[in-house]
Amino acid sequence: MNLVFCLAFLLALLVAASGSMAQPAAPDASPGQTGPGSAAPSPSHLAAARALVIACGMSRSFSSTIPEFMDQIGSSLTQTRPELIHDLNAVLTGLKPEFDKQADEMVDIAAQIYVKQMSEPDLKSAVAFFESPAGRKYVETQPAFLTEVVTAMQGWRGKISTDMMTRVRAEMKKKGHEI
C-alpha cells in the first residue's frame, strides 16, 4: 500500500509539474515560501493546494489509512482475545472521528508541502485538470493503473537485476575475474 501511495503521489506531482511547464507562470507567481524570513502563504494559496490534494485523489490514501489501522488493531487483539470483539468494536467506533480528523490534518500537511513547491496559479491549473473529465478519469483509474504498474515494475526490477549481474560477470570475466 505504501508503494502504491508513493507512486500515486509521484504521478500526481508529475501531472501537476507538466501542467506548470506548459504554461509559464506570471513573474510574480512564484511558489510560496514558508521558511524563516518569508511571508506566510495566502489563504487562497493554501486553499488551492488543499484542493489539489483532494482533487488528485491523494487524500483518499490518508482517509483509507484510518479504517485499515482499525481493522489491523481489531484483528490483532481479537485473535488471541476473541471475547474483546464487542467492546473493541465500540471503542474503535467511538475513536474513529478523532482519527478521521488526523487524516484531515495530513491533507493540510500535504497542502503546505505543495505551497512550498508550486505557485498558486500552477496549483489552480492542476486542480482544473483534476476537476476536468480527463482529470476525474485519471483519478478514477489511478488505483488500478498503479496496481498494474507495481506488478510490472516488480517483474522489470527482477529482469534488470538478473541482466545486470549477468553483464557484470561477463565484463569482469574479460578482465580475468571470476565472480
N, C-alpha and C. Protein backbone atom coordinates (compact mmCIF):
# COMPACT_ATOMS: atom_id res chain seq x y z
N MET A 1 0.82 -1.19 0.00
CA MET A 1 0.00 0.00 0.00
C MET A 1 0.86 1.25 0.00
N ASN A 2 1.95 1.30 0.80
CA ASN A 2 2.80 2.48 0.84
C ASN A 2 3.44 2.73 -0.51
N LEU A 3 3.88 1.69 -1.21
CA LEU A 3 4.47 1.86 -2.53
C LEU A 3 3.45 2.41 -3.50
N VAL A 4 2.23 1.90 -3.42
CA VAL A 4 1.16 2.40 -4.30
C VAL A 4 0.91 3.87 -4.00
N PHE A 5 0.85 4.25 -2.72
CA PHE A 5 0.63 5.64 -2.37
C PHE A 5 1.77 6.51 -2.90
N CYS A 6 3.01 6.06 -2.71
CA CYS A 6 4.16 6.83 -3.19
C CYS A 6 4.10 7.02 -4.70
N LEU A 7 3.77 5.96 -5.42
CA LEU A 7 3.66 6.08 -6.87
C LEU A 7 2.54 7.03 -7.25
N ALA A 8 1.42 6.95 -6.54
CA ALA A 8 0.30 7.86 -6.83
C ALA A 8 0.71 9.30 -6.59
N PHE A 9 1.42 9.52 -5.50
CA PHE A 9 1.88 10.87 -5.17
C PHE A 9 2.84 11.37 -6.23
N LEU A 10 3.79 10.53 -6.65
CA LEU A 10 4.74 10.94 -7.68
C LEU A 10 4.06 11.22 -9.01
N LEU A 11 3.10 10.38 -9.37
CA LEU A 11 2.37 10.62 -10.62
C LEU A 11 1.58 11.92 -10.55
N ALA A 12 0.99 12.19 -9.41
CA ALA A 12 0.25 13.45 -9.26
C ALA A 12 1.19 14.63 -9.39
N LEU A 13 2.38 14.53 -8.81
CA LEU A 13 3.35 15.61 -8.94
C LEU A 13 3.79 15.79 -10.38
N LEU A 14 4.00 14.67 -11.09
CA LEU A 14 4.40 14.77 -12.49
C LEU A 14 3.33 15.44 -13.33
N VAL A 15 2.09 15.08 -13.11
CA VAL A 15 0.99 15.70 -13.86
C VAL A 15 0.92 17.18 -13.55
N ALA A 16 1.04 17.51 -12.27
CA ALA A 16 0.99 18.92 -11.88
C ALA A 16 2.17 19.69 -12.47
N ALA A 17 3.35 19.08 -12.43
CA ALA A 17 4.54 19.74 -12.97
C ALA A 17 4.44 19.91 -14.48
N SER A 18 3.90 18.92 -15.16
CA SER A 18 3.79 19.04 -16.62
C SER A 18 2.83 20.15 -16.99
N GLY A 19 1.80 20.37 -16.20
CA GLY A 19 0.89 21.49 -16.44
C GLY A 19 1.59 22.82 -16.23
N SER A 20 2.48 22.90 -15.26
CA SER A 20 3.17 24.16 -15.00
C SER A 20 4.23 24.42 -16.04
N MET A 21 4.76 23.38 -16.69
CA MET A 21 5.74 23.59 -17.74
C MET A 21 5.08 24.07 -19.02
N ALA A 22 3.85 23.64 -19.23
CA ALA A 22 3.15 24.01 -20.46
C ALA A 22 2.78 25.49 -20.47
N GLN A 23 2.48 26.07 -19.31
CA GLN A 23 2.11 27.47 -19.23
C GLN A 23 3.03 28.15 -18.24
N PRO A 24 3.93 29.02 -18.73
CA PRO A 24 4.82 29.69 -17.79
C PRO A 24 4.03 30.57 -16.83
N ALA A 25 4.46 30.59 -15.60
CA ALA A 25 3.78 31.39 -14.59
C ALA A 25 4.10 32.86 -14.78
N ALA A 26 3.20 33.69 -14.31
CA ALA A 26 3.44 35.12 -14.33
C ALA A 26 4.64 35.42 -13.46
N PRO A 27 5.38 36.50 -13.74
CA PRO A 27 6.60 36.78 -12.98
C PRO A 27 6.40 36.83 -11.48
N ASP A 28 5.25 37.34 -10.99
CA ASP A 28 5.04 37.44 -9.56
C ASP A 28 4.41 36.19 -8.97
N ALA A 29 4.25 35.15 -9.76
CA ALA A 29 3.58 33.93 -9.30
C ALA A 29 4.60 32.87 -8.94
N SER A 30 5.46 33.18 -7.97
CA SER A 30 6.46 32.20 -7.55
C SER A 30 5.88 31.34 -6.45
N PRO A 31 6.41 30.12 -6.28
CA PRO A 31 5.90 29.25 -5.23
C PRO A 31 5.98 29.94 -3.87
N GLY A 32 5.06 29.60 -3.01
CA GLY A 32 5.04 30.19 -1.68
C GLY A 32 6.23 29.73 -0.87
N GLN A 33 6.84 30.64 -0.18
CA GLN A 33 7.97 30.31 0.67
C GLN A 33 7.50 30.38 2.12
N THR A 34 7.70 29.33 2.86
CA THR A 34 7.25 29.32 4.25
C THR A 34 8.41 29.21 5.22
N GLY A 35 9.62 29.39 4.73
CA GLY A 35 10.79 29.31 5.58
C GLY A 35 10.97 30.60 6.37
N PRO A 36 12.02 30.65 7.20
CA PRO A 36 12.28 31.83 8.01
C PRO A 36 12.49 33.06 7.11
N GLY A 37 11.95 34.19 7.53
CA GLY A 37 12.15 35.43 6.80
C GLY A 37 11.26 35.59 5.59
N SER A 38 10.37 34.67 5.34
CA SER A 38 9.48 34.79 4.18
C SER A 38 8.04 34.90 4.68
N ALA A 39 7.22 35.48 3.82
CA ALA A 39 5.82 35.67 4.18
C ALA A 39 5.08 34.34 4.19
N ALA A 40 4.11 34.25 5.06
CA ALA A 40 3.27 33.04 5.10
C ALA A 40 2.43 33.00 3.83
N PRO A 41 2.10 31.81 3.36
CA PRO A 41 1.28 31.73 2.15
C PRO A 41 -0.11 32.32 2.40
N SER A 42 -0.69 32.84 1.35
CA SER A 42 -2.02 33.42 1.47
C SER A 42 -3.05 32.31 1.69
N PRO A 43 -4.18 32.66 2.27
CA PRO A 43 -5.25 31.67 2.43
C PRO A 43 -5.69 31.07 1.10
N SER A 44 -5.70 31.87 0.03
CA SER A 44 -6.12 31.34 -1.27
C SER A 44 -5.08 30.37 -1.84
N HIS A 45 -3.80 30.62 -1.55
CA HIS A 45 -2.74 29.71 -2.00
C HIS A 45 -2.88 28.37 -1.28
N LEU A 46 -3.11 28.43 0.04
CA LEU A 46 -3.32 27.21 0.82
C LEU A 46 -4.58 26.48 0.36
N ALA A 47 -5.63 27.23 0.07
CA ALA A 47 -6.89 26.60 -0.38
C ALA A 47 -6.68 25.90 -1.71
N ALA A 48 -5.91 26.51 -2.61
CA ALA A 48 -5.64 25.88 -3.91
C ALA A 48 -4.83 24.60 -3.72
N ALA A 49 -3.86 24.64 -2.81
CA ALA A 49 -3.04 23.45 -2.55
C ALA A 49 -3.89 22.34 -1.94
N ARG A 50 -4.75 22.71 -1.01
CA ARG A 50 -5.63 21.72 -0.37
C ARG A 50 -6.58 21.12 -1.41
N ALA A 51 -7.09 21.98 -2.29
CA ALA A 51 -7.99 21.50 -3.34
C ALA A 51 -7.28 20.50 -4.25
N LEU A 52 -5.99 20.74 -4.51
CA LEU A 52 -5.23 19.81 -5.35
C LEU A 52 -5.05 18.46 -4.66
N VAL A 53 -4.73 18.49 -3.38
CA VAL A 53 -4.56 17.24 -2.62
C VAL A 53 -5.83 16.41 -2.70
N ILE A 54 -6.97 17.06 -2.63
CA ILE A 54 -8.25 16.35 -2.68
C ILE A 54 -8.58 15.93 -4.11
N ALA A 55 -8.44 16.88 -5.06
CA ALA A 55 -8.84 16.61 -6.44
C ALA A 55 -8.00 15.51 -7.09
N CYS A 56 -6.71 15.43 -6.75
CA CYS A 56 -5.85 14.44 -7.39
C CYS A 56 -6.00 13.05 -6.78
N GLY A 57 -6.79 12.93 -5.71
CA GLY A 57 -7.04 11.63 -5.12
C GLY A 57 -6.09 11.26 -4.00
N MET A 58 -5.11 12.14 -3.72
CA MET A 58 -4.14 11.84 -2.68
C MET A 58 -4.80 11.68 -1.32
N SER A 59 -5.82 12.48 -1.06
CA SER A 59 -6.47 12.44 0.25
C SER A 59 -7.13 11.09 0.52
N ARG A 60 -7.47 10.35 -0.55
CA ARG A 60 -8.06 9.01 -0.36
C ARG A 60 -7.10 8.11 0.41
N SER A 61 -5.81 8.24 0.11
CA SER A 61 -4.82 7.41 0.80
C SER A 61 -4.77 7.72 2.28
N PHE A 62 -4.91 9.01 2.62
CA PHE A 62 -4.89 9.39 4.03
C PHE A 62 -6.15 8.86 4.72
N SER A 63 -7.29 9.03 4.08
CA SER A 63 -8.56 8.61 4.67
C SER A 63 -8.64 7.10 4.84
N SER A 64 -8.10 6.36 3.88
CA SER A 64 -8.20 4.90 3.96
C SER A 64 -7.27 4.31 5.01
N THR A 65 -6.29 5.08 5.47
CA THR A 65 -5.36 4.60 6.48
C THR A 65 -6.07 4.31 7.80
N ILE A 66 -7.04 5.15 8.16
CA ILE A 66 -7.72 5.01 9.46
C ILE A 66 -8.46 3.67 9.56
N PRO A 67 -9.36 3.33 8.61
CA PRO A 67 -10.03 2.03 8.72
C PRO A 67 -9.06 0.85 8.60
N GLU A 68 -7.99 1.01 7.81
CA GLU A 68 -7.00 -0.07 7.70
C GLU A 68 -6.36 -0.35 9.05
N PHE A 69 -5.93 0.72 9.75
CA PHE A 69 -5.31 0.53 11.06
C PHE A 69 -6.31 -0.02 12.07
N MET A 70 -7.54 0.44 12.00
CA MET A 70 -8.56 -0.07 12.93
C MET A 70 -8.81 -1.56 12.69
N ASP A 71 -8.86 -1.96 11.43
CA ASP A 71 -9.02 -3.39 11.11
C ASP A 71 -7.84 -4.19 11.63
N GLN A 72 -6.62 -3.66 11.45
CA GLN A 72 -5.43 -4.36 11.93
C GLN A 72 -5.45 -4.51 13.44
N ILE A 73 -5.81 -3.44 14.13
CA ILE A 73 -5.88 -3.50 15.60
C ILE A 73 -6.94 -4.50 16.03
N GLY A 74 -8.11 -4.43 15.39
CA GLY A 74 -9.19 -5.36 15.72
C GLY A 74 -8.78 -6.81 15.51
N SER A 75 -8.18 -7.09 14.37
CA SER A 75 -7.74 -8.46 14.08
C SER A 75 -6.68 -8.92 15.06
N SER A 76 -5.72 -8.05 15.32
CA SER A 76 -4.61 -8.40 16.20
C SER A 76 -5.09 -8.70 17.62
N LEU A 77 -5.93 -7.84 18.16
CA LEU A 77 -6.36 -8.02 19.54
C LEU A 77 -7.36 -9.15 19.72
N THR A 78 -8.24 -9.35 18.76
CA THR A 78 -9.27 -10.39 18.92
C THR A 78 -8.78 -11.77 18.51
N GLN A 79 -7.63 -11.82 17.89
CA GLN A 79 -7.07 -13.13 17.51
C GLN A 79 -6.77 -13.95 18.76
N THR A 80 -6.20 -13.30 19.76
CA THR A 80 -5.87 -14.01 20.99
C THR A 80 -6.90 -13.78 22.09
N ARG A 81 -7.75 -12.76 21.91
CA ARG A 81 -8.76 -12.45 22.92
C ARG A 81 -10.11 -12.19 22.25
N PRO A 82 -10.74 -13.23 21.71
CA PRO A 82 -12.00 -13.06 20.98
C PRO A 82 -13.13 -12.46 21.82
N GLU A 83 -13.03 -12.58 23.13
CA GLU A 83 -14.08 -12.03 23.99
C GLU A 83 -14.10 -10.50 23.97
N LEU A 84 -13.06 -9.87 23.43
CA LEU A 84 -12.98 -8.41 23.37
C LEU A 84 -13.74 -7.80 22.20
N ILE A 85 -14.19 -8.63 21.27
CA ILE A 85 -14.71 -8.13 20.00
C ILE A 85 -15.80 -7.07 20.16
N HIS A 86 -16.78 -7.29 21.02
CA HIS A 86 -17.89 -6.34 21.17
C HIS A 86 -17.39 -5.00 21.72
N ASP A 87 -16.67 -5.03 22.83
CA ASP A 87 -16.17 -3.79 23.43
C ASP A 87 -15.15 -3.10 22.53
N LEU A 88 -14.32 -3.87 21.87
CA LEU A 88 -13.31 -3.29 20.99
C LEU A 88 -13.97 -2.57 19.81
N ASN A 89 -14.99 -3.19 19.23
CA ASN A 89 -15.71 -2.53 18.13
C ASN A 89 -16.33 -1.22 18.59
N ALA A 90 -16.87 -1.20 19.80
CA ALA A 90 -17.46 0.03 20.35
C ALA A 90 -16.38 1.10 20.54
N VAL A 91 -15.23 0.70 21.07
CA VAL A 91 -14.13 1.64 21.28
C VAL A 91 -13.64 2.19 19.94
N LEU A 92 -13.42 1.31 18.98
CA LEU A 92 -12.93 1.75 17.67
C LEU A 92 -13.93 2.68 16.99
N THR A 93 -15.21 2.37 17.08
CA THR A 93 -16.25 3.23 16.50
C THR A 93 -16.23 4.60 17.17
N GLY A 94 -16.07 4.62 18.48
CA GLY A 94 -16.01 5.88 19.21
C GLY A 94 -14.78 6.71 18.88
N LEU A 95 -13.67 6.05 18.61
CA LEU A 95 -12.42 6.75 18.32
C LEU A 95 -12.30 7.21 16.86
N LYS A 96 -13.09 6.62 15.97
CA LYS A 96 -12.94 6.90 14.55
C LYS A 96 -13.00 8.39 14.21
N PRO A 97 -13.97 9.17 14.73
CA PRO A 97 -14.00 10.60 14.38
C PRO A 97 -12.71 11.34 14.76
N GLU A 98 -12.14 10.97 15.90
CA GLU A 98 -10.90 11.59 16.35
C GLU A 98 -9.77 11.33 15.34
N PHE A 99 -9.70 10.11 14.86
CA PHE A 99 -8.63 9.77 13.93
C PHE A 99 -8.93 10.23 12.51
N ASP A 100 -10.21 10.35 12.17
CA ASP A 100 -10.56 10.93 10.87
C ASP A 100 -10.05 12.36 10.78
N LYS A 101 -10.11 13.10 11.89
CA LYS A 101 -9.58 14.47 11.92
C LYS A 101 -8.08 14.46 11.65
N GLN A 102 -7.39 13.44 12.13
CA GLN A 102 -5.95 13.36 11.90
C GLN A 102 -5.65 13.10 10.43
N ALA A 103 -6.52 12.36 9.75
CA ALA A 103 -6.35 12.17 8.30
C ALA A 103 -6.52 13.51 7.60
N ASP A 104 -7.46 14.32 8.08
CA ASP A 104 -7.67 15.65 7.51
C ASP A 104 -6.45 16.54 7.76
N GLU A 105 -5.80 16.36 8.90
CA GLU A 105 -4.57 17.10 9.19
C GLU A 105 -3.49 16.75 8.16
N MET A 106 -3.46 15.50 7.72
CA MET A 106 -2.47 15.09 6.72
C MET A 106 -2.75 15.79 5.39
N VAL A 107 -4.01 16.03 5.08
CA VAL A 107 -4.36 16.80 3.88
C VAL A 107 -3.74 18.19 3.99
N ASP A 108 -3.85 18.80 5.17
CA ASP A 108 -3.27 20.13 5.38
C ASP A 108 -1.74 20.10 5.28
N ILE A 109 -1.13 19.05 5.80
CA ILE A 109 0.33 18.92 5.71
C ILE A 109 0.76 18.81 4.25
N ALA A 110 0.06 17.98 3.49
CA ALA A 110 0.38 17.84 2.06
C ALA A 110 0.17 19.16 1.34
N ALA A 111 -0.87 19.90 1.71
CA ALA A 111 -1.13 21.21 1.09
C ALA A 111 0.02 22.17 1.39
N GLN A 112 0.51 22.15 2.61
CA GLN A 112 1.65 23.01 2.97
C GLN A 112 2.88 22.68 2.12
N ILE A 113 3.07 21.40 1.85
CA ILE A 113 4.21 20.99 1.02
C ILE A 113 4.02 21.49 -0.41
N TYR A 114 2.81 21.34 -0.95
CA TYR A 114 2.53 21.86 -2.30
C TYR A 114 2.75 23.36 -2.37
N VAL A 115 2.34 24.10 -1.34
CA VAL A 115 2.50 25.55 -1.33
C VAL A 115 3.98 25.93 -1.48
N LYS A 116 4.86 25.14 -0.87
CA LYS A 116 6.30 25.42 -0.98
C LYS A 116 6.83 25.10 -2.37
N GLN A 117 6.16 24.21 -3.09
CA GLN A 117 6.67 23.72 -4.37
C GLN A 117 6.04 24.40 -5.59
N MET A 118 4.81 24.87 -5.45
CA MET A 118 4.08 25.36 -6.62
C MET A 118 3.42 26.70 -6.34
N SER A 119 3.37 27.52 -7.37
CA SER A 119 2.68 28.81 -7.26
C SER A 119 1.18 28.58 -7.21
N GLU A 120 0.47 29.58 -6.75
CA GLU A 120 -0.99 29.48 -6.69
C GLU A 120 -1.61 29.27 -8.07
N PRO A 121 -1.16 30.02 -9.11
CA PRO A 121 -1.73 29.77 -10.44
C PRO A 121 -1.47 28.35 -10.94
N ASP A 122 -0.29 27.82 -10.66
CA ASP A 122 0.01 26.44 -11.08
C ASP A 122 -0.87 25.44 -10.34
N LEU A 123 -1.06 25.67 -9.06
CA LEU A 123 -1.94 24.80 -8.28
C LEU A 123 -3.35 24.83 -8.84
N LYS A 124 -3.83 26.02 -9.16
CA LYS A 124 -5.18 26.16 -9.71
C LYS A 124 -5.30 25.48 -11.07
N SER A 125 -4.23 25.56 -11.87
CA SER A 125 -4.24 24.86 -13.17
C SER A 125 -4.31 23.35 -12.98
N ALA A 126 -3.53 22.85 -12.01
CA ALA A 126 -3.55 21.41 -11.73
C ALA A 126 -4.92 20.98 -11.23
N VAL A 127 -5.52 21.78 -10.35
CA VAL A 127 -6.86 21.47 -9.85
C VAL A 127 -7.85 21.45 -11.00
N ALA A 128 -7.73 22.43 -11.90
CA ALA A 128 -8.64 22.48 -13.06
C ALA A 128 -8.53 21.20 -13.88
N PHE A 129 -7.30 20.71 -14.05
CA PHE A 129 -7.14 19.45 -14.78
C PHE A 129 -7.85 18.32 -14.04
N PHE A 130 -7.59 18.17 -12.75
CA PHE A 130 -8.17 17.06 -12.00
C PHE A 130 -9.68 17.16 -11.87
N GLU A 131 -10.23 18.35 -12.01
CA GLU A 131 -11.69 18.52 -11.98
C GLU A 131 -12.31 18.39 -13.37
N SER A 132 -11.47 18.31 -14.41
CA SER A 132 -11.98 18.12 -15.77
C SER A 132 -12.37 16.65 -15.95
N PRO A 133 -13.12 16.33 -17.01
CA PRO A 133 -13.46 14.92 -17.26
C PRO A 133 -12.21 14.04 -17.37
N ALA A 134 -11.18 14.52 -18.05
CA ALA A 134 -9.94 13.72 -18.17
C ALA A 134 -9.28 13.55 -16.81
N GLY A 135 -9.26 14.59 -16.01
CA GLY A 135 -8.65 14.51 -14.68
C GLY A 135 -9.41 13.58 -13.76
N ARG A 136 -10.75 13.65 -13.82
CA ARG A 136 -11.55 12.73 -12.99
C ARG A 136 -11.33 11.29 -13.43
N LYS A 137 -11.19 11.08 -14.73
CA LYS A 137 -10.92 9.73 -15.24
C LYS A 137 -9.55 9.26 -14.76
N TYR A 138 -8.57 10.17 -14.78
CA TYR A 138 -7.23 9.85 -14.28
C TYR A 138 -7.31 9.39 -12.82
N VAL A 139 -7.99 10.16 -11.99
CA VAL A 139 -8.10 9.82 -10.57
C VAL A 139 -8.84 8.50 -10.40
N GLU A 140 -9.89 8.29 -11.19
CA GLU A 140 -10.69 7.07 -11.10
C GLU A 140 -9.87 5.83 -11.47
N THR A 141 -9.04 5.95 -12.49
CA THR A 141 -8.28 4.78 -12.96
C THR A 141 -6.94 4.61 -12.24
N GLN A 142 -6.53 5.60 -11.47
CA GLN A 142 -5.23 5.58 -10.82
C GLN A 142 -4.98 4.34 -9.96
N PRO A 143 -5.90 3.92 -9.09
CA PRO A 143 -5.61 2.74 -8.26
C PRO A 143 -5.34 1.47 -9.09
N ALA A 144 -6.17 1.21 -10.09
CA ALA A 144 -5.95 0.01 -10.92
C ALA A 144 -4.67 0.15 -11.73
N PHE A 145 -4.44 1.34 -12.26
CA PHE A 145 -3.22 1.60 -13.02
C PHE A 145 -1.98 1.36 -12.16
N LEU A 146 -1.98 1.91 -10.95
CA LEU A 146 -0.82 1.76 -10.08
C LEU A 146 -0.60 0.32 -9.65
N THR A 147 -1.67 -0.42 -9.45
CA THR A 147 -1.54 -1.84 -9.12
C THR A 147 -0.82 -2.57 -10.24
N GLU A 148 -1.23 -2.28 -11.48
CA GLU A 148 -0.58 -2.92 -12.63
C GLU A 148 0.87 -2.46 -12.78
N VAL A 149 1.12 -1.17 -12.56
CA VAL A 149 2.48 -0.65 -12.68
C VAL A 149 3.39 -1.30 -11.64
N VAL A 150 2.90 -1.42 -10.41
CA VAL A 150 3.71 -2.04 -9.35
C VAL A 150 4.02 -3.48 -9.72
N THR A 151 3.04 -4.21 -10.21
CA THR A 151 3.25 -5.60 -10.63
C THR A 151 4.27 -5.66 -11.76
N ALA A 152 4.09 -4.81 -12.76
CA ALA A 152 5.03 -4.79 -13.89
C ALA A 152 6.42 -4.39 -13.43
N MET A 153 6.49 -3.43 -12.51
CA MET A 153 7.78 -2.96 -12.03
C MET A 153 8.53 -4.04 -11.27
N GLN A 154 7.81 -4.87 -10.53
CA GLN A 154 8.47 -5.96 -9.81
C GLN A 154 9.13 -6.92 -10.79
N GLY A 155 8.41 -7.28 -11.84
CA GLY A 155 9.00 -8.16 -12.86
C GLY A 155 10.16 -7.50 -13.57
N TRP A 156 10.01 -6.22 -13.89
CA TRP A 156 11.05 -5.46 -14.57
C TRP A 156 12.30 -5.38 -13.70
N ARG A 157 12.12 -5.09 -12.40
CA ARG A 157 13.27 -5.00 -11.49
C ARG A 157 14.01 -6.34 -11.41
N GLY A 158 13.26 -7.44 -11.35
CA GLY A 158 13.89 -8.76 -11.32
C GLY A 158 14.70 -9.02 -12.57
N LYS A 159 14.14 -8.66 -13.73
CA LYS A 159 14.84 -8.85 -15.00
C LYS A 159 16.10 -7.98 -15.07
N ILE A 160 15.98 -6.72 -14.69
CA ILE A 160 17.13 -5.81 -14.72
C ILE A 160 18.22 -6.33 -13.80
N SER A 161 17.85 -6.77 -12.61
CA SER A 161 18.82 -7.28 -11.65
C SER A 161 19.58 -8.47 -12.22
N THR A 162 18.85 -9.41 -12.80
CA THR A 162 19.47 -10.60 -13.39
C THR A 162 20.35 -10.22 -14.57
N ASP A 163 19.81 -9.39 -15.47
CA ASP A 163 20.57 -8.98 -16.65
C ASP A 163 21.83 -8.22 -16.27
N MET A 164 21.73 -7.34 -15.28
CA MET A 164 22.89 -6.56 -14.87
C MET A 164 23.97 -7.45 -14.29
N MET A 165 23.57 -8.39 -13.44
CA MET A 165 24.57 -9.29 -12.84
C MET A 165 25.23 -10.15 -13.91
N THR A 166 24.45 -10.61 -14.88
CA THR A 166 25.00 -11.40 -15.99
C THR A 166 26.03 -10.59 -16.76
N ARG A 167 25.70 -9.34 -17.06
CA ARG A 167 26.61 -8.47 -17.81
C ARG A 167 27.87 -8.15 -17.00
N VAL A 168 27.70 -7.87 -15.70
CA VAL A 168 28.85 -7.56 -14.85
C VAL A 168 29.78 -8.77 -14.79
N ARG A 169 29.21 -9.95 -14.63
CA ARG A 169 30.04 -11.16 -14.60
C ARG A 169 30.81 -11.33 -15.91
N ALA A 170 30.13 -11.11 -17.04
CA ALA A 170 30.78 -11.25 -18.34
C ALA A 170 31.92 -10.25 -18.50
N GLU A 171 31.68 -9.01 -18.11
CA GLU A 171 32.71 -7.98 -18.24
C GLU A 171 33.87 -8.23 -17.28
N MET A 172 33.57 -8.68 -16.07
CA MET A 172 34.63 -8.98 -15.11
C MET A 172 35.44 -10.19 -15.56
N LYS A 173 34.79 -11.15 -16.23
CA LYS A 173 35.50 -12.32 -16.75
C LYS A 173 36.51 -11.88 -17.81
N LYS A 174 36.13 -10.89 -18.64
CA LYS A 174 37.05 -10.36 -19.65
C LYS A 174 38.29 -9.76 -18.99
N LYS A 175 38.15 -9.28 -17.77
CA LYS A 175 39.27 -8.68 -17.05
C LYS A 175 39.99 -9.71 -16.18
N GLY A 176 39.60 -10.98 -16.33
CA GLY A 176 40.28 -12.04 -15.62
C GLY A 176 39.73 -12.36 -14.25
N HIS A 177 38.54 -11.88 -13.94
CA HIS A 177 37.94 -12.13 -12.63
C HIS A 177 36.73 -13.04 -12.79
N GLU A 178 36.67 -14.08 -11.99
CA GLU A 178 35.52 -14.99 -11.97
C GLU A 178 34.66 -14.59 -10.78
N ILE A 179 33.42 -14.24 -11.06
CA ILE A 179 32.50 -13.86 -9.96
C ILE A 179 31.41 -14.91 -9.87
